[in-house]
Amino acid sequence: MANNAFTFTIKRTALDEHYVPAENTRITTNFANLARGDSRQENLRNTLRMIDNRFNSLAHWDNPRGDRYAVELQIVSVEMSVAPGEGTDSFPLIEILQTTILDSQTGRRIDGIVGNNFSSYVRDYDFSVVLPAHMKANPGAFAPADFGDLHGKLFKHFLNSAAYRDNFGKPPVICLSVSSNKTYHRTGGEHPVLGSEYANDEFSPTDQYFAKMGMKVRYFMPRGSVAPFAFYHIGDLTGDYTDLELVSTVSTMETFQKIYRPEIYNANSPASEQYRPSLQCQDYSLTRIVYDREERSRLAVEQGRFVEERFIKPYRQVLDQWSASFAA
């Protein structure tokens, strides 16, 4: 099957204080969780304020009052048609974030980085359906050899598509939490925005999964942060992006991680030279933002089942043929 058999459609939604999740939004998306319930507008305002404050603290040059910049966020939803032109429905594939930097001093709108957060239906299927079933059938085994292959190829196909090229000027950078079952050690390397570089001796399952998406990983703890982040990228992380672009990712994703994983990213003590993150840490502070982490974990399984029934099973033969012929 030709690689152009799958086409992509991009939709954008502003993530601001008026954001209301669409009915077809991936229900486990972190943003939809923040934007529900009695605290929804206060949640969103506080989150956006935290992002702007963190951005200005990092972009401190020519910014004496610490209020020069603001960050605008858009949720980028990617839908895929398996057989375009044959009346088939589009399937929601991934959601990422795009940042835009607003400079009040010059009036400029500056492109930030696309990626940042990463929500994926097929990843939910892999980690919530495929992997548990494999581990149950093979106690003590690792993930199957082809784990993440389809997802990785779909992601690469999207990056090579006209839809991506027409909308984005640079490859994505995804910024996620470091793994809570790996130990990280400071290398001595320093970057003016990304901060202290860390390394680990063994890739985590998430690192391996992103490698199949064509993405490398580096770990950095920015100035003022208390734990390193995993930055997944394709080209040269420190050479391909400007300082302001990198600041937009750090400020955005550190804010979300403080909300999602306060035990790690809002801990009261910074990471040491040898650091093993733990969600059992008790010495941390909570933000003023209401976030239902249990719901997010529970619904990931439901999303995985949704993918299995609506995407994998109906199109398995088509997907298998396409995957076998895919040229990276």
Protein backbone atom coordinates (compact mmCIF):
# COMPACT_ATOMS: atom_id res chain seq x y z
CA MET A 1 0.00 0.00 0.00
CA ALA A 2 1.34 3.42 -0.91
CA ASN A 3 2.45 5.67 1.91
CA ASN A 4 0.13 8.41 0.68
CA ALA A 5 -2.90 6.25 1.44
CA PHE A 6 -3.13 7.89 4.87
CA THR A 7 -3.87 11.60 5.03
CA PHE A 8 -3.88 13.98 7.98
CA THR A 9 -6.07 16.87 9.00
CA ILE A 10 -4.96 19.42 11.58
CA LYS A 11 -7.37 21.29 13.83
CA ARG A 12 -6.43 23.99 16.32
CA THR A 13 -8.06 25.02 19.59
CA ALA A 14 -6.93 27.92 21.74
CA LEU A 15 -5.94 26.84 25.25
CA ASP A 16 -6.94 29.95 27.17
CA GLU A 17 -9.19 30.73 30.12
CA HIS A 18 -12.26 30.23 27.90
CA TYR A 19 -11.21 26.78 26.69
CA VAL A 20 -14.00 24.18 26.69
CA PRO A 21 -13.06 20.63 25.60
CA ALA A 22 -14.78 19.49 22.41
CA GLU A 23 -16.93 16.39 22.52
CA ASN A 24 -14.47 14.43 20.40
CA THR A 25 -11.41 15.51 22.38
CA ARG A 26 -9.26 12.65 23.59
CA ILE A 27 -10.90 12.35 26.98
CA THR A 28 -7.68 11.60 28.84
CA THR A 29 -6.02 14.75 27.60
CA ASN A 30 -4.58 16.71 30.48
CA PHE A 31 -6.13 19.94 29.26
CA ALA A 32 -9.68 18.58 29.27
CA ASN A 33 -9.15 17.45 32.86
CA LEU A 34 -8.10 20.95 33.90
CA ALA A 35 -11.03 22.55 32.10
CA ARG A 36 -13.88 20.67 33.78
CA GLY A 37 -15.74 21.18 37.03
CA ASP A 38 -16.44 24.17 39.25
CA SER A 39 -12.80 25.31 39.24
CA ARG A 40 -12.30 25.16 35.48
CA GLN A 41 -11.80 28.87 34.76
CA GLU A 42 -9.70 29.48 37.85
CA ASN A 43 -7.63 26.40 36.94
CA LEU A 44 -6.95 27.73 33.47
CA ARG A 45 -6.15 31.27 34.61
CA ASN A 46 -3.74 30.04 37.27
CA THR A 47 -2.06 27.64 34.84
CA LEU A 48 -1.54 30.33 32.20
CA ARG A 49 -0.26 32.78 34.84
CA MET A 50 2.24 30.20 36.07
CA ILE A 51 3.49 29.67 32.50
CA ASP A 52 3.94 33.41 31.88
CA ASN A 53 5.71 33.95 35.22
CA ARG A 54 8.09 31.06 34.59
CA PHE A 55 8.80 32.25 31.06
CA ASN A 56 9.78 35.71 32.29
CA SER A 57 11.97 34.30 35.05
CA LEU A 58 13.93 32.29 32.46
CA ALA A 59 13.96 35.01 29.75
CA HIS A 60 15.39 37.57 32.15
CA TRP A 61 17.67 39.38 29.69
CA ASP A 62 16.32 42.81 28.64
CA ASN A 63 13.38 42.09 30.94
CA PRO A 64 14.08 44.02 34.18
CA ARG A 65 10.49 44.00 35.46
CA GLY A 66 9.91 40.35 34.57
CA ASP A 67 6.75 41.02 32.61
CA ARG A 68 7.88 41.43 29.01
CA TYR A 69 6.56 38.13 27.62
CA ALA A 70 3.39 36.08 27.55
CA VAL A 71 2.84 32.64 26.09
CA GLU A 72 -0.11 31.76 23.86
CA LEU A 73 -1.04 28.07 23.59
CA GLN A 74 -2.89 26.14 20.91
CA ILE A 75 -3.93 22.51 21.11
CA VAL A 76 -3.09 20.90 17.77
CA SER A 77 -5.34 17.91 17.11
CA VAL A 78 -4.27 15.54 14.34
CA GLU A 79 -6.83 13.32 12.65
CA MET A 80 -5.97 10.58 10.16
CA SER A 81 -8.03 9.14 7.32
CA VAL A 82 -7.11 5.54 6.54
CA ALA A 83 -8.72 5.51 3.10
CA PRO A 84 -9.32 9.10 1.99
CA GLY A 85 -11.95 9.56 -0.66
CA GLU A 86 -13.83 6.40 0.29
CA GLY A 87 -16.11 8.00 2.85
CA THR A 88 -14.25 6.65 5.87
CA ASP A 89 -14.27 8.59 9.10
CA SER A 90 -11.20 10.37 10.34
CA PHE A 91 -9.62 8.91 13.43
CA PRO A 92 -8.15 11.14 16.17
CA LEU A 93 -4.47 10.24 16.22
CA ILE A 94 -2.51 12.62 18.44
CA GLU A 95 -2.70 15.94 20.25
CA ILE A 96 0.28 18.21 20.75
CA LEU A 97 0.76 21.83 21.86
CA GLN A 98 2.10 24.79 19.95
CA THR A 99 3.49 27.82 21.75
CA THR A 100 3.56 31.40 20.49
CA ILE A 101 5.54 34.05 22.37
CA LEU A 102 4.07 37.54 22.72
CA ASP A 103 6.70 40.27 23.21
CA SER A 104 5.04 43.35 24.74
CA GLN A 105 8.17 45.45 24.22
CA THR A 106 8.31 45.06 20.44
CA GLY A 107 4.75 43.94 19.73
CA ARG A 108 6.08 40.86 17.94
CA ARG A 109 4.46 37.43 17.88
CA ILE A 110 7.26 34.87 17.85
CA ASP A 111 6.79 31.23 16.89
CA GLY A 112 7.58 28.88 19.74
CA ILE A 113 7.94 25.12 19.61
CA VAL A 114 5.39 22.57 18.45
CA GLY A 115 5.11 19.35 20.43
CA ASN A 116 5.63 20.01 24.14
CA ASN A 117 2.84 17.81 25.49
CA PHE A 118 2.03 14.56 23.68
CA SER A 119 -1.30 12.74 23.79
CA SER A 120 -1.81 9.70 21.60
CA TYR A 121 -4.67 7.25 21.21
CA VAL A 122 -2.46 4.52 19.77
CA ARG A 123 0.06 4.94 22.59
CA ASP A 124 -2.80 4.37 25.05
CA TYR A 125 -3.61 1.18 23.18
CA ASP A 126 0.00 0.03 23.31
CA PHE A 127 0.57 0.73 27.00
CA SER A 128 -2.93 0.01 28.36
CA VAL A 129 -3.99 -2.98 26.21
CA VAL A 130 -1.05 -4.59 24.36
CA LEU A 131 1.60 -4.41 27.07
CA PRO A 132 -0.55 -5.64 30.02
CA ALA A 133 -1.82 -8.57 27.93
CA HIS A 134 1.74 -9.49 26.91
CA MET A 135 3.04 -9.28 30.48
CA LYS A 136 0.17 -11.41 31.74
CA ALA A 137 0.87 -14.09 29.16
CA ASN A 138 4.64 -13.86 29.66
CA PRO A 139 5.36 -13.09 33.34
CA GLY A 140 8.66 -11.30 33.80
CA ALA A 141 9.07 -10.70 30.08
CA PHE A 142 9.94 -7.43 28.41
CA ALA A 143 7.69 -5.69 25.89
CA PRO A 144 7.19 -7.59 22.61
CA ALA A 145 9.83 -6.91 19.94
CA ASP A 146 7.40 -5.02 17.71
CA PHE A 147 6.03 -2.93 20.59
CA GLY A 148 5.42 0.60 19.35
CA ASP A 149 6.32 -0.13 15.72
CA LEU A 150 2.98 0.92 14.23
CA HIS A 151 2.75 4.01 16.41
CA GLY A 152 6.28 5.05 15.50
CA LYS A 153 5.66 4.66 11.79
CA LEU A 154 2.40 6.61 11.95
CA PHE A 155 4.18 9.43 13.79
CA LYS A 156 7.04 9.52 11.24
CA HIS A 157 4.51 9.48 8.41
CA PHE A 158 2.77 12.49 9.96
CA LEU A 159 6.05 14.41 10.27
CA ASN A 160 6.79 13.69 6.59
CA SER A 161 3.31 14.73 5.45
CA ALA A 162 2.29 17.90 3.65
CA ALA A 163 0.00 18.65 6.59
CA TYR A 164 3.01 18.93 8.91
CA ARG A 165 5.24 20.79 6.45
CA ASP A 166 2.49 23.32 5.65
CA ASN A 167 1.84 24.11 9.29
CA PHE A 168 5.15 23.87 11.13
CA GLY A 169 8.63 25.13 10.32
CA LYS A 170 10.67 22.88 12.63
CA PRO A 171 10.50 19.33 13.99
CA PRO A 172 8.66 18.85 17.28
CA VAL A 173 10.15 18.72 20.76
CA ILE A 174 8.26 16.70 23.37
CA CYS A 175 9.00 17.46 27.04
CA LEU A 176 7.95 14.78 29.55
CA SER A 177 8.67 13.64 33.08
CA VAL A 178 11.74 11.52 33.72
CA SER A 179 11.08 7.89 34.63
CA SER A 180 10.47 7.06 38.28
CA ASN A 181 12.28 3.71 37.95
CA LYS A 182 15.59 5.02 36.57
CA THR A 183 18.51 6.83 38.19
CA TYR A 184 19.89 9.97 36.57
CA HIS A 185 23.30 11.56 37.16
CA ARG A 186 24.50 15.07 36.46
CA THR A 187 27.06 15.23 33.65
CA GLY A 188 28.52 18.64 34.37
CA GLY A 189 27.18 20.08 31.12
CA GLU A 190 25.29 23.38 31.33
CA HIS A 191 22.98 25.12 28.87
CA PRO A 192 21.87 28.77 29.34
CA VAL A 193 18.17 27.86 29.12
CA LEU A 194 17.91 24.10 29.62
CA GLY A 195 20.27 24.16 32.61
CA SER A 196 22.16 21.19 34.06
CA GLU A 197 22.34 18.13 31.83
CA TYR A 198 21.69 14.67 33.28
CA ALA A 199 22.19 11.21 31.83
CA ASN A 200 21.10 7.70 32.76
CA ASP A 201 22.69 4.32 32.23
CA GLU A 202 19.67 2.66 30.67
CA PHE A 203 16.78 3.90 28.57
CA SER A 204 13.31 3.77 30.09
CA PRO A 205 10.38 2.11 28.26
CA THR A 206 9.20 5.61 27.29
CA ASP A 207 12.66 6.45 25.88
CA GLN A 208 12.60 3.25 23.82
CA TYR A 209 9.06 3.96 22.64
CA PHE A 210 10.00 7.46 21.46
CA ALA A 211 13.09 6.06 19.73
CA LYS A 212 10.72 4.14 17.45
CA MET A 213 9.16 7.52 16.63
CA GLY A 214 12.58 8.67 15.44
CA MET A 215 13.21 10.81 18.53
CA LYS A 216 16.36 11.00 20.65
CA VAL A 217 16.31 12.04 24.31
CA ARG A 218 18.35 14.38 26.48
CA TYR A 219 17.68 15.23 30.12
CA PHE A 220 18.06 18.71 31.57
CA MET A 221 17.16 20.50 34.81
CA PRO A 222 16.62 24.20 34.04
CA ARG A 223 17.67 26.92 36.45
CA GLY A 224 15.08 27.19 39.22
CA SER A 225 13.64 23.74 38.53
CA VAL A 226 13.83 20.93 41.08
CA ALA A 227 14.05 17.90 38.77
CA PRO A 228 15.28 17.12 35.25
CA PHE A 229 12.95 16.73 32.29
CA ALA A 230 13.18 14.36 29.33
CA PHE A 231 13.38 16.30 26.04
CA TYR A 232 12.55 14.13 23.03
CA HIS A 233 13.77 15.64 19.76
CA ILE A 234 14.84 14.74 16.22
CA GLY A 235 17.66 17.09 15.23
CA ASP A 236 19.99 19.14 17.43
CA LEU A 237 18.09 20.13 20.55
CA THR A 238 20.52 22.88 21.56
CA GLY A 239 21.35 24.04 18.03
CA ASP A 240 18.10 23.98 16.07
CA TYR A 241 16.00 26.11 18.43
CA THR A 242 16.42 29.64 19.76
CA ASP A 243 16.65 30.40 23.46
CA LEU A 244 13.13 31.86 23.45
CA GLU A 245 11.74 28.76 21.74
CA LEU A 246 13.31 26.56 24.39
CA VAL A 247 12.07 28.84 27.18
CA SER A 248 8.51 28.47 25.83
CA THR A 249 8.74 24.69 26.16
CA VAL A 250 10.34 24.71 29.60
CA SER A 251 7.89 27.22 31.05
CA THR A 252 4.86 25.44 29.61
CA MET A 253 5.79 21.87 30.47
CA GLU A 254 7.26 22.61 33.90
CA THR A 255 3.96 24.24 34.82
CA PHE A 256 1.97 21.22 33.69
CA GLN A 257 4.34 18.79 35.44
CA LYS A 258 4.04 20.75 38.70
CA ILE A 259 0.32 20.11 38.41
CA TYR A 260 0.49 16.49 37.20
CA ARG A 261 3.44 15.25 39.27
CA PRO A 262 4.02 17.61 42.20
CA GLU A 263 5.94 14.90 44.11
CA ILE A 264 8.71 15.27 41.51
CA TYR A 265 8.39 18.72 39.96
CA ASN A 266 7.06 20.71 42.91
CA ALA A 267 9.26 19.02 45.50
CA ASN A 268 10.72 21.27 48.19
CA SER A 269 14.30 20.11 47.55
CA PRO A 270 16.09 20.08 44.18
CA ALA A 271 17.46 16.94 42.55
CA SER A 272 20.90 15.83 43.71
CA GLU A 273 23.81 14.84 41.47
CA GLN A 274 22.57 11.23 41.58
CA TYR A 275 18.80 11.44 41.30
CA ARG A 276 16.01 8.87 41.30
CA PRO A 277 12.56 10.48 41.01
CA SER A 278 9.78 9.10 43.20
CA LEU A 279 6.03 9.60 43.27
CA GLN A 280 6.16 8.47 46.92
CA CYS A 281 8.01 11.65 47.94
CA GLN A 282 6.10 13.44 50.71
CA ASP A 283 8.14 16.67 50.84
CA TYR A 284 6.38 18.64 48.13
CA SER A 285 3.96 21.52 47.67
CA LEU A 286 0.63 21.57 45.83
CA THR A 287 -0.39 24.16 43.29
CA ARG A 288 -3.75 25.90 43.59
CA ILE A 289 -4.96 23.99 40.55
CA VAL A 290 -7.44 21.12 40.85
CA TYR A 291 -6.36 18.10 38.83
CA ASP A 292 -7.81 14.58 38.93
CA ARG A 293 -4.81 12.33 38.35
CA GLU A 294 -6.75 9.16 39.14
CA GLU A 295 -9.28 9.93 36.41
CA ARG A 296 -6.49 10.39 33.89
CA SER A 297 -4.99 6.98 34.69
CA ARG A 298 -8.34 5.22 34.67
CA LEU A 299 -9.49 6.67 31.39
CA ALA A 300 -6.25 5.74 29.62
CA VAL A 301 -7.45 2.12 29.67
CA GLU A 302 -10.84 3.12 28.25
CA GLN A 303 -9.12 5.08 25.50
CA GLY A 304 -6.95 2.07 24.68
CA ARG A 305 -10.02 -0.12 24.31
CA PHE A 306 -11.64 2.53 22.12
CA VAL A 307 -8.62 2.42 19.78
CA GLU A 308 -8.73 -1.37 19.66
CA GLU A 309 -12.41 -1.46 18.69
CA ARG A 310 -12.59 1.57 16.39
CA PHE A 311 -9.18 1.61 14.73
CA ILE A 312 -6.98 -1.46 15.19
CA LYS A 313 -9.54 -4.22 14.62
CA PRO A 314 -11.46 -2.67 11.69
CA TYR A 315 -8.29 -1.66 9.83
CA ARG A 316 -5.83 -4.31 11.01
CA GLN A 317 -5.17 -5.74 7.54
CA VAL A 318 -4.71 -2.29 5.99
CA LEU A 319 -2.46 -1.17 8.84
CA ASP A 320 -0.37 -4.34 8.70
CA GLN A 321 0.16 -4.02 4.94
CA TRP A 322 1.02 -0.35 5.20
CA SER A 323 3.39 -0.93 8.12
CA ALA A 324 5.21 -3.73 6.30
CA SER A 325 5.84 -1.51 3.27
CA PHE A 326 6.63 1.67 5.21
CA ALA A 327 9.98 3.22 4.33
CA ALA A 328 11.25 5.38 7.19
